Amino acid sequence: MFKLIKFFFKFVFFVIFVAIALGIAGNYQLIRSSSGFHVIERDKWGFSDFYVNTTEWSPLDFAKNPRISSELFSDQFQALFSDTRKGVQSWWDGLSNDKNIPELKKIKKEFDSGLESLNKALKDNKLTIDKYKDQLKKLKKDTESKIKKVMEALKE
């Protein structure tokens, strides 16, 4: 009798596990791209194309699948913005030991404002990624020269 009850609970657990796995597989797609794996929600519930490998897709393939394309592009933006913020923060931390100087706070505020406007222009498709990177380099170079001037004035 005990074995029957044990079997029943295992069976119920297995059925619940399978139902959850099928629910997840029916609601999401696993996309492999050159930047890694992405999980996107489906428009319609189903099991077709649960796994999609886009690493060797042509531009025509991306054009035929606009939902996947837009999701991957959105993920690329988020990764680019995240990497930019992390890089900028480490770059800023290495510029000066004393960040409490009012002039440096003002320069940092100007830089953050410029970075936000660049990010907005990229999101709004007003900039290509290459132009974004070029303008980011220019913004960093301008900011470095402003900081250098402030630091030289403080030494005097």
N, C-alpha and C. Protein backbone atom coordinates (compact mmCIF):
# COMPACT_ATOMS: atom_id res chain seq x y z
N MET A 1 0.81 -1.19 0.00
CA MET A 1 0.00 0.00 0.00
C MET A 1 0.86 1.27 0.00
N PHE A 2 1.93 1.25 0.83
CA PHE A 2 2.82 2.42 0.91
C PHE A 2 3.48 2.68 -0.43
N LYS A 3 3.87 1.63 -1.16
CA LYS A 3 4.49 1.78 -2.48
C LYS A 3 3.52 2.41 -3.47
N LEU A 4 2.27 2.09 -3.36
CA LEU A 4 1.26 2.65 -4.26
C LEU A 4 1.08 4.15 -4.01
N ILE A 5 1.07 4.55 -2.76
CA ILE A 5 0.95 5.97 -2.41
C ILE A 5 2.19 6.72 -2.88
N LYS A 6 3.35 6.14 -2.66
CA LYS A 6 4.61 6.74 -3.09
C LYS A 6 4.62 6.90 -4.62
N PHE A 7 4.18 5.86 -5.32
CA PHE A 7 4.11 5.92 -6.78
C PHE A 7 3.14 7.02 -7.23
N PHE A 8 2.00 7.13 -6.55
CA PHE A 8 1.00 8.14 -6.89
C PHE A 8 1.58 9.54 -6.75
N PHE A 9 2.28 9.84 -5.66
CA PHE A 9 2.86 11.16 -5.46
C PHE A 9 3.95 11.46 -6.50
N LYS A 10 4.75 10.47 -6.83
CA LYS A 10 5.76 10.66 -7.87
C LYS A 10 5.11 10.96 -9.22
N PHE A 11 4.03 10.23 -9.50
CA PHE A 11 3.32 10.42 -10.75
C PHE A 11 2.71 11.83 -10.82
N VAL A 12 2.09 12.28 -9.73
CA VAL A 12 1.49 13.62 -9.68
C VAL A 12 2.59 14.68 -9.85
N PHE A 13 3.70 14.49 -9.17
CA PHE A 13 4.81 15.44 -9.29
C PHE A 13 5.31 15.48 -10.74
N PHE A 14 5.44 14.33 -11.36
CA PHE A 14 5.90 14.25 -12.75
C PHE A 14 4.93 14.97 -13.69
N VAL A 15 3.65 14.75 -13.50
CA VAL A 15 2.63 15.40 -14.35
C VAL A 15 2.69 16.92 -14.18
N ILE A 16 2.81 17.40 -12.97
CA ILE A 16 2.91 18.84 -12.72
C ILE A 16 4.17 19.41 -13.37
N PHE A 17 5.28 18.71 -13.22
CA PHE A 17 6.55 19.15 -13.81
C PHE A 17 6.43 19.24 -15.34
N VAL A 18 5.86 18.22 -15.96
CA VAL A 18 5.70 18.22 -17.42
C VAL A 18 4.77 19.34 -17.86
N ALA A 19 3.70 19.58 -17.11
CA ALA A 19 2.76 20.65 -17.45
C ALA A 19 3.43 22.01 -17.40
N ILE A 20 4.25 22.24 -16.40
CA ILE A 20 4.98 23.50 -16.28
C ILE A 20 5.99 23.64 -17.42
N ALA A 21 6.73 22.58 -17.71
CA ALA A 21 7.71 22.62 -18.80
C ALA A 21 7.03 22.89 -20.14
N LEU A 22 5.88 22.25 -20.39
CA LEU A 22 5.15 22.49 -21.64
C LEU A 22 4.61 23.92 -21.70
N GLY A 23 4.16 24.43 -20.57
CA GLY A 23 3.68 25.81 -20.53
C GLY A 23 4.78 26.80 -20.86
N ILE A 24 5.96 26.58 -20.31
CA ILE A 24 7.10 27.45 -20.60
C ILE A 24 7.51 27.32 -22.06
N ALA A 25 7.60 26.10 -22.54
CA ALA A 25 8.01 25.89 -23.94
C ALA A 25 6.99 26.46 -24.92
N GLY A 26 5.73 26.48 -24.55
CA GLY A 26 4.71 27.01 -25.43
C GLY A 26 4.61 28.52 -25.43
N ASN A 27 5.10 29.16 -24.37
CA ASN A 27 5.00 30.62 -24.25
C ASN A 27 6.28 31.37 -24.62
N TYR A 28 7.40 30.68 -24.72
CA TYR A 28 8.67 31.35 -24.96
C TYR A 28 9.45 30.68 -26.08
N GLN A 29 10.36 31.46 -26.68
CA GLN A 29 11.28 30.94 -27.69
C GLN A 29 12.70 31.16 -27.20
N LEU A 30 13.55 30.20 -27.47
CA LEU A 30 14.96 30.32 -27.16
C LEU A 30 15.68 30.68 -28.46
N ILE A 31 16.31 31.85 -28.48
CA ILE A 31 16.96 32.36 -29.68
C ILE A 31 18.46 32.38 -29.45
N ARG A 32 19.21 31.78 -30.37
CA ARG A 32 20.66 31.83 -30.31
C ARG A 32 21.13 32.83 -31.36
N SER A 33 21.88 33.83 -30.92
CA SER A 33 22.43 34.82 -31.84
C SER A 33 23.94 34.88 -31.65
N SER A 34 24.59 35.71 -32.42
CA SER A 34 26.04 35.82 -32.29
C SER A 34 26.45 36.41 -30.95
N SER A 35 25.52 37.09 -30.27
CA SER A 35 25.83 37.68 -28.96
C SER A 35 25.44 36.77 -27.80
N GLY A 36 24.87 35.61 -28.08
CA GLY A 36 24.50 34.69 -27.01
C GLY A 36 23.07 34.19 -27.15
N PHE A 37 22.52 33.73 -26.05
CA PHE A 37 21.16 33.21 -26.04
C PHE A 37 20.19 34.26 -25.52
N HIS A 38 19.00 34.27 -26.09
CA HIS A 38 17.96 35.20 -25.69
C HIS A 38 16.66 34.42 -25.56
N VAL A 39 15.85 34.77 -24.57
CA VAL A 39 14.54 34.16 -24.39
C VAL A 39 13.52 35.25 -24.65
N ILE A 40 12.63 35.00 -25.62
CA ILE A 40 11.61 35.99 -25.94
C ILE A 40 10.23 35.35 -25.83
N GLU A 41 9.28 36.17 -25.47
CA GLU A 41 7.90 35.70 -25.33
C GLU A 41 7.24 35.59 -26.70
N ARG A 42 6.44 34.57 -26.86
CA ARG A 42 5.74 34.35 -28.14
C ARG A 42 4.49 35.21 -28.22
N ASP A 43 4.10 35.52 -29.46
CA ASP A 43 2.82 36.20 -29.69
C ASP A 43 1.67 35.24 -29.47
N LYS A 44 1.82 34.03 -29.98
CA LYS A 44 0.79 33.00 -29.87
C LYS A 44 1.39 31.78 -29.21
N TRP A 45 0.57 31.09 -28.42
CA TRP A 45 1.03 29.89 -27.74
C TRP A 45 1.25 28.79 -28.77
N GLY A 46 2.35 28.06 -28.66
CA GLY A 46 2.62 26.95 -29.57
C GLY A 46 4.02 26.41 -29.37
N PHE A 47 4.31 25.32 -30.08
CA PHE A 47 5.60 24.67 -29.93
C PHE A 47 6.50 24.80 -31.15
N SER A 48 6.01 25.42 -32.21
CA SER A 48 6.84 25.53 -33.42
C SER A 48 7.99 26.50 -33.15
N ASP A 49 9.14 26.17 -33.66
CA ASP A 49 10.34 27.01 -33.52
C ASP A 49 10.65 27.36 -32.07
N PHE A 50 10.62 26.37 -31.19
CA PHE A 50 10.99 26.63 -29.80
C PHE A 50 12.43 27.14 -29.72
N TYR A 51 13.32 26.57 -30.54
CA TYR A 51 14.72 26.98 -30.59
C TYR A 51 15.02 27.51 -31.99
N VAL A 52 15.57 28.73 -32.05
CA VAL A 52 15.91 29.34 -33.33
C VAL A 52 17.37 29.78 -33.28
N ASN A 53 18.16 29.32 -34.25
CA ASN A 53 19.56 29.70 -34.34
C ASN A 53 19.71 30.76 -35.43
N THR A 54 20.06 31.99 -35.02
CA THR A 54 20.17 33.09 -35.98
C THR A 54 21.62 33.43 -36.31
N THR A 55 22.55 32.60 -35.90
CA THR A 55 23.96 32.95 -36.09
C THR A 55 24.36 33.03 -37.56
N GLU A 56 23.68 32.32 -38.42
CA GLU A 56 24.04 32.36 -39.84
C GLU A 56 22.89 32.91 -40.69
N TRP A 57 22.04 33.71 -40.10
CA TRP A 57 20.95 34.30 -40.85
C TRP A 57 21.46 35.40 -41.76
N SER A 58 20.81 35.55 -42.89
CA SER A 58 21.12 36.65 -43.81
C SER A 58 20.18 37.82 -43.47
N PRO A 59 20.45 39.00 -44.01
CA PRO A 59 19.52 40.12 -43.78
C PRO A 59 18.09 39.79 -44.22
N LEU A 60 17.96 38.98 -45.24
CA LEU A 60 16.63 38.58 -45.70
C LEU A 60 15.90 37.75 -44.63
N ASP A 61 16.62 36.86 -43.95
CA ASP A 61 16.02 36.07 -42.88
C ASP A 61 15.52 36.97 -41.75
N PHE A 62 16.33 37.99 -41.40
CA PHE A 62 15.91 38.92 -40.35
C PHE A 62 14.69 39.71 -40.80
N ALA A 63 14.65 40.08 -42.08
CA ALA A 63 13.50 40.82 -42.61
C ALA A 63 12.23 39.96 -42.57
N LYS A 64 12.38 38.66 -42.78
CA LYS A 64 11.22 37.75 -42.75
C LYS A 64 10.71 37.51 -41.33
N ASN A 65 11.52 37.78 -40.33
CA ASN A 65 11.16 37.53 -38.94
C ASN A 65 11.31 38.82 -38.12
N PRO A 66 10.43 39.80 -38.33
CA PRO A 66 10.60 41.10 -37.68
C PRO A 66 10.52 41.06 -36.15
N ARG A 67 9.72 40.17 -35.60
CA ARG A 67 9.60 40.10 -34.14
C ARG A 67 10.92 39.66 -33.51
N ILE A 68 11.52 38.63 -34.08
CA ILE A 68 12.81 38.16 -33.57
C ILE A 68 13.86 39.23 -33.77
N SER A 69 13.87 39.87 -34.94
CA SER A 69 14.84 40.92 -35.23
C SER A 69 14.74 42.06 -34.24
N SER A 70 13.53 42.52 -33.98
CA SER A 70 13.38 43.66 -33.07
C SER A 70 13.77 43.29 -31.64
N GLU A 71 13.46 42.07 -31.23
CA GLU A 71 13.86 41.63 -29.88
C GLU A 71 15.38 41.56 -29.74
N LEU A 72 16.04 41.01 -30.75
CA LEU A 72 17.50 40.93 -30.70
C LEU A 72 18.12 42.31 -30.75
N PHE A 73 17.56 43.20 -31.57
CA PHE A 73 18.08 44.56 -31.67
C PHE A 73 17.90 45.28 -30.34
N SER A 74 16.75 45.08 -29.71
CA SER A 74 16.49 45.69 -28.40
C SER A 74 17.49 45.18 -27.37
N ASP A 75 17.76 43.88 -27.37
CA ASP A 75 18.75 43.31 -26.45
C ASP A 75 20.14 43.88 -26.72
N GLN A 76 20.47 44.09 -28.00
CA GLN A 76 21.78 44.67 -28.35
C GLN A 76 21.89 46.08 -27.79
N PHE A 77 20.80 46.88 -27.90
CA PHE A 77 20.81 48.23 -27.33
C PHE A 77 21.06 48.18 -25.84
N GLN A 78 20.34 47.30 -25.14
CA GLN A 78 20.49 47.22 -23.70
C GLN A 78 21.92 46.82 -23.32
N ALA A 79 22.49 45.88 -24.05
CA ALA A 79 23.86 45.47 -23.78
C ALA A 79 24.83 46.60 -24.05
N LEU A 80 24.61 47.32 -25.15
CA LEU A 80 25.49 48.44 -25.49
C LEU A 80 25.40 49.52 -24.42
N PHE A 81 24.18 49.87 -23.99
CA PHE A 81 24.02 50.89 -22.96
C PHE A 81 24.65 50.46 -21.65
N SER A 82 24.45 49.19 -21.28
CA SER A 82 25.01 48.68 -20.04
C SER A 82 26.54 48.71 -20.08
N ASP A 83 27.11 48.23 -21.19
CA ASP A 83 28.57 48.24 -21.34
C ASP A 83 29.10 49.66 -21.32
N THR A 84 28.38 50.59 -21.97
CA THR A 84 28.81 51.98 -21.99
C THR A 84 28.80 52.57 -20.59
N ARG A 85 27.73 52.31 -19.85
CA ARG A 85 27.66 52.86 -18.49
C ARG A 85 28.77 52.29 -17.59
N LYS A 86 29.01 50.98 -17.69
CA LYS A 86 30.08 50.37 -16.88
C LYS A 86 31.44 50.94 -17.29
N GLY A 87 31.67 51.05 -18.59
CA GLY A 87 32.94 51.58 -19.07
C GLY A 87 33.14 53.03 -18.67
N VAL A 88 32.08 53.82 -18.77
CA VAL A 88 32.17 55.23 -18.40
C VAL A 88 32.44 55.38 -16.92
N GLN A 89 31.78 54.56 -16.10
CA GLN A 89 31.98 54.66 -14.65
C GLN A 89 33.42 54.31 -14.28
N SER A 90 33.98 53.25 -14.86
CA SER A 90 35.36 52.90 -14.53
C SER A 90 36.32 53.95 -15.08
N TRP A 91 36.00 54.50 -16.26
CA TRP A 91 36.82 55.57 -16.84
C TRP A 91 36.79 56.79 -15.94
N TRP A 92 35.59 57.15 -15.47
CA TRP A 92 35.46 58.33 -14.61
C TRP A 92 36.19 58.12 -13.29
N ASP A 93 36.09 56.92 -12.72
CA ASP A 93 36.75 56.63 -11.44
C ASP A 93 38.26 56.78 -11.55
N GLY A 94 38.82 56.50 -12.73
CA GLY A 94 40.27 56.58 -12.89
C GLY A 94 40.79 57.97 -13.21
N LEU A 95 39.91 58.94 -13.43
CA LEU A 95 40.36 60.27 -13.85
C LEU A 95 40.96 61.09 -12.72
N SER A 96 40.33 61.10 -11.59
CA SER A 96 40.78 61.95 -10.51
C SER A 96 40.47 61.28 -9.18
N ASN A 97 41.33 61.54 -8.20
CA ASN A 97 41.10 60.96 -6.88
C ASN A 97 40.04 61.73 -6.11
N ASP A 98 39.92 63.04 -6.36
CA ASP A 98 38.99 63.87 -5.60
C ASP A 98 37.82 64.27 -6.49
N LYS A 99 36.71 63.54 -6.36
CA LYS A 99 35.52 63.81 -7.18
C LYS A 99 34.62 64.87 -6.54
N ASN A 100 34.99 65.38 -5.36
CA ASN A 100 34.14 66.33 -4.66
C ASN A 100 34.40 67.77 -5.05
N ILE A 101 35.32 67.99 -5.95
CA ILE A 101 35.59 69.34 -6.43
C ILE A 101 34.37 69.81 -7.22
N PRO A 102 33.81 70.96 -6.89
CA PRO A 102 32.58 71.42 -7.58
C PRO A 102 32.70 71.47 -9.10
N GLU A 103 33.86 71.86 -9.60
CA GLU A 103 34.04 71.93 -11.05
C GLU A 103 33.93 70.53 -11.68
N LEU A 104 34.49 69.52 -11.00
CA LEU A 104 34.42 68.15 -11.51
C LEU A 104 32.98 67.61 -11.46
N LYS A 105 32.25 67.99 -10.42
CA LYS A 105 30.85 67.58 -10.35
C LYS A 105 30.06 68.17 -11.51
N LYS A 106 30.36 69.42 -11.85
CA LYS A 106 29.67 70.07 -12.97
C LYS A 106 30.02 69.38 -14.28
N ILE A 107 31.29 69.05 -14.46
CA ILE A 107 31.72 68.36 -15.69
C ILE A 107 31.06 66.99 -15.78
N LYS A 108 30.99 66.28 -14.66
CA LYS A 108 30.35 64.95 -14.65
C LYS A 108 28.87 65.08 -15.01
N LYS A 109 28.21 66.10 -14.49
CA LYS A 109 26.80 66.31 -14.80
C LYS A 109 26.61 66.60 -16.30
N GLU A 110 27.50 67.41 -16.87
CA GLU A 110 27.43 67.70 -18.31
C GLU A 110 27.67 66.43 -19.12
N PHE A 111 28.63 65.62 -18.67
CA PHE A 111 28.93 64.38 -19.37
C PHE A 111 27.73 63.43 -19.33
N ASP A 112 27.13 63.28 -18.15
CA ASP A 112 25.96 62.40 -18.01
C ASP A 112 24.81 62.86 -18.90
N SER A 113 24.63 64.18 -18.97
CA SER A 113 23.57 64.73 -19.82
C SER A 113 23.86 64.43 -21.30
N GLY A 114 25.11 64.60 -21.70
CA GLY A 114 25.50 64.29 -23.08
C GLY A 114 25.33 62.82 -23.40
N LEU A 115 25.68 61.96 -22.45
CA LEU A 115 25.53 60.52 -22.64
C LEU A 115 24.06 60.14 -22.78
N GLU A 116 23.21 60.72 -21.95
CA GLU A 116 21.78 60.42 -22.04
C GLU A 116 21.20 60.86 -23.38
N SER A 117 21.64 62.02 -23.88
CA SER A 117 21.12 62.47 -25.17
C SER A 117 21.62 61.57 -26.31
N LEU A 118 22.85 61.07 -26.20
CA LEU A 118 23.36 60.12 -27.19
C LEU A 118 22.54 58.82 -27.15
N ASN A 119 22.27 58.33 -25.95
CA ASN A 119 21.48 57.10 -25.80
C ASN A 119 20.08 57.28 -26.38
N LYS A 120 19.48 58.43 -26.12
CA LYS A 120 18.13 58.69 -26.65
C LYS A 120 18.15 58.76 -28.17
N ALA A 121 19.17 59.42 -28.73
CA ALA A 121 19.26 59.52 -30.19
C ALA A 121 19.44 58.14 -30.82
N LEU A 122 20.21 57.27 -30.17
CA LEU A 122 20.40 55.92 -30.69
C LEU A 122 19.10 55.13 -30.61
N LYS A 123 18.39 55.24 -29.50
CA LYS A 123 17.11 54.53 -29.35
C LYS A 123 16.10 55.01 -30.38
N ASP A 124 16.12 56.31 -30.69
CA ASP A 124 15.16 56.89 -31.64
C ASP A 124 15.61 56.75 -33.09
N ASN A 125 16.68 55.97 -33.31
CA ASN A 125 17.22 55.72 -34.65
C ASN A 125 17.70 56.99 -35.35
N LYS A 126 18.14 57.96 -34.58
CA LYS A 126 18.70 59.18 -35.16
C LYS A 126 20.21 59.03 -35.38
N LEU A 127 20.79 58.00 -34.77
CA LEU A 127 22.22 57.70 -34.90
C LEU A 127 22.40 56.23 -35.24
N THR A 128 23.42 55.94 -36.04
CA THR A 128 23.81 54.55 -36.23
C THR A 128 24.71 54.17 -35.06
N ILE A 129 24.96 52.90 -34.89
CA ILE A 129 25.82 52.47 -33.78
C ILE A 129 27.24 53.00 -33.97
N ASP A 130 27.74 53.04 -35.21
CA ASP A 130 29.08 53.58 -35.45
C ASP A 130 29.17 55.06 -35.10
N LYS A 131 28.14 55.84 -35.50
CA LYS A 131 28.13 57.26 -35.16
C LYS A 131 28.01 57.46 -33.65
N TYR A 132 27.23 56.59 -33.02
CA TYR A 132 27.09 56.65 -31.57
C TYR A 132 28.45 56.46 -30.91
N LYS A 133 29.18 55.45 -31.34
CA LYS A 133 30.50 55.18 -30.76
C LYS A 133 31.46 56.34 -31.02
N ASP A 134 31.41 56.91 -32.23
CA ASP A 134 32.28 58.05 -32.54
C ASP A 134 31.94 59.25 -31.66
N GLN A 135 30.66 59.53 -31.51
CA GLN A 135 30.26 60.68 -30.69
C GLN A 135 30.55 60.44 -29.21
N LEU A 136 30.47 59.19 -28.78
CA LEU A 136 30.82 58.87 -27.40
C LEU A 136 32.31 59.10 -27.17
N LYS A 137 33.15 58.69 -28.13
CA LYS A 137 34.59 58.95 -28.01
C LYS A 137 34.86 60.44 -27.94
N LYS A 138 34.17 61.21 -28.78
CA LYS A 138 34.35 62.67 -28.79
C LYS A 138 33.92 63.27 -27.45
N LEU A 139 32.78 62.81 -26.93
CA LEU A 139 32.30 63.29 -25.64
C LEU A 139 33.31 63.00 -24.53
N LYS A 140 33.87 61.78 -24.54
CA LYS A 140 34.87 61.42 -23.53
C LYS A 140 36.12 62.28 -23.68
N LYS A 141 36.56 62.50 -24.92
CA LYS A 141 37.76 63.31 -25.17
C LYS A 141 37.55 64.75 -24.70
N ASP A 142 36.39 65.32 -25.01
CA ASP A 142 36.08 66.68 -24.56
C ASP A 142 36.04 66.77 -23.04
N THR A 143 35.45 65.76 -22.43
CA THR A 143 35.36 65.74 -20.97
C THR A 143 36.74 65.61 -20.34
N GLU A 144 37.59 64.76 -20.93
CA GLU A 144 38.95 64.62 -20.41
C GLU A 144 39.72 65.94 -20.49
N SER A 145 39.54 66.67 -21.59
CA SER A 145 40.26 67.95 -21.71
C SER A 145 39.74 68.96 -20.69
N LYS A 146 38.43 68.98 -20.42
CA LYS A 146 37.88 69.87 -19.40
C LYS A 146 38.44 69.53 -18.03
N ILE A 147 38.51 68.23 -17.74
CA ILE A 147 39.03 67.79 -16.43
C ILE A 147 40.50 68.17 -16.31
N LYS A 148 41.23 67.98 -17.38
CA LYS A 148 42.66 68.32 -17.37
C LYS A 148 42.85 69.81 -17.07
N LYS A 149 42.03 70.68 -17.66
CA LYS A 149 42.12 72.11 -17.41
C LYS A 149 41.82 72.42 -15.96
N VAL A 150 40.80 71.78 -15.40
CA VAL A 150 40.45 72.02 -14.01
C VAL A 150 41.58 71.56 -13.10
N MET A 151 42.14 70.41 -13.36
CA MET A 151 43.21 69.88 -12.52
C MET A 151 44.46 70.76 -12.60
N GLU A 152 44.76 71.26 -13.80
CA GLU A 152 45.91 72.16 -13.95
C GLU A 152 45.68 73.46 -13.20
N ALA A 153 44.46 73.98 -13.25
CA ALA A 153 44.14 75.23 -12.53
C ALA A 153 44.25 75.02 -11.03
N LEU A 154 43.90 73.86 -10.56
CA LEU A 154 43.97 73.58 -9.12
C LEU A 154 45.42 73.46 -8.63
N LYS A 155 46.31 73.01 -9.52
CA LYS A 155 47.72 72.84 -9.15
C LYS A 155 48.40 74.19 -8.98
N GLU A 156 47.88 75.22 -9.66
CA GLU A 156 48.50 76.54 -9.62
C GLU A 156 48.26 77.27 -8.32
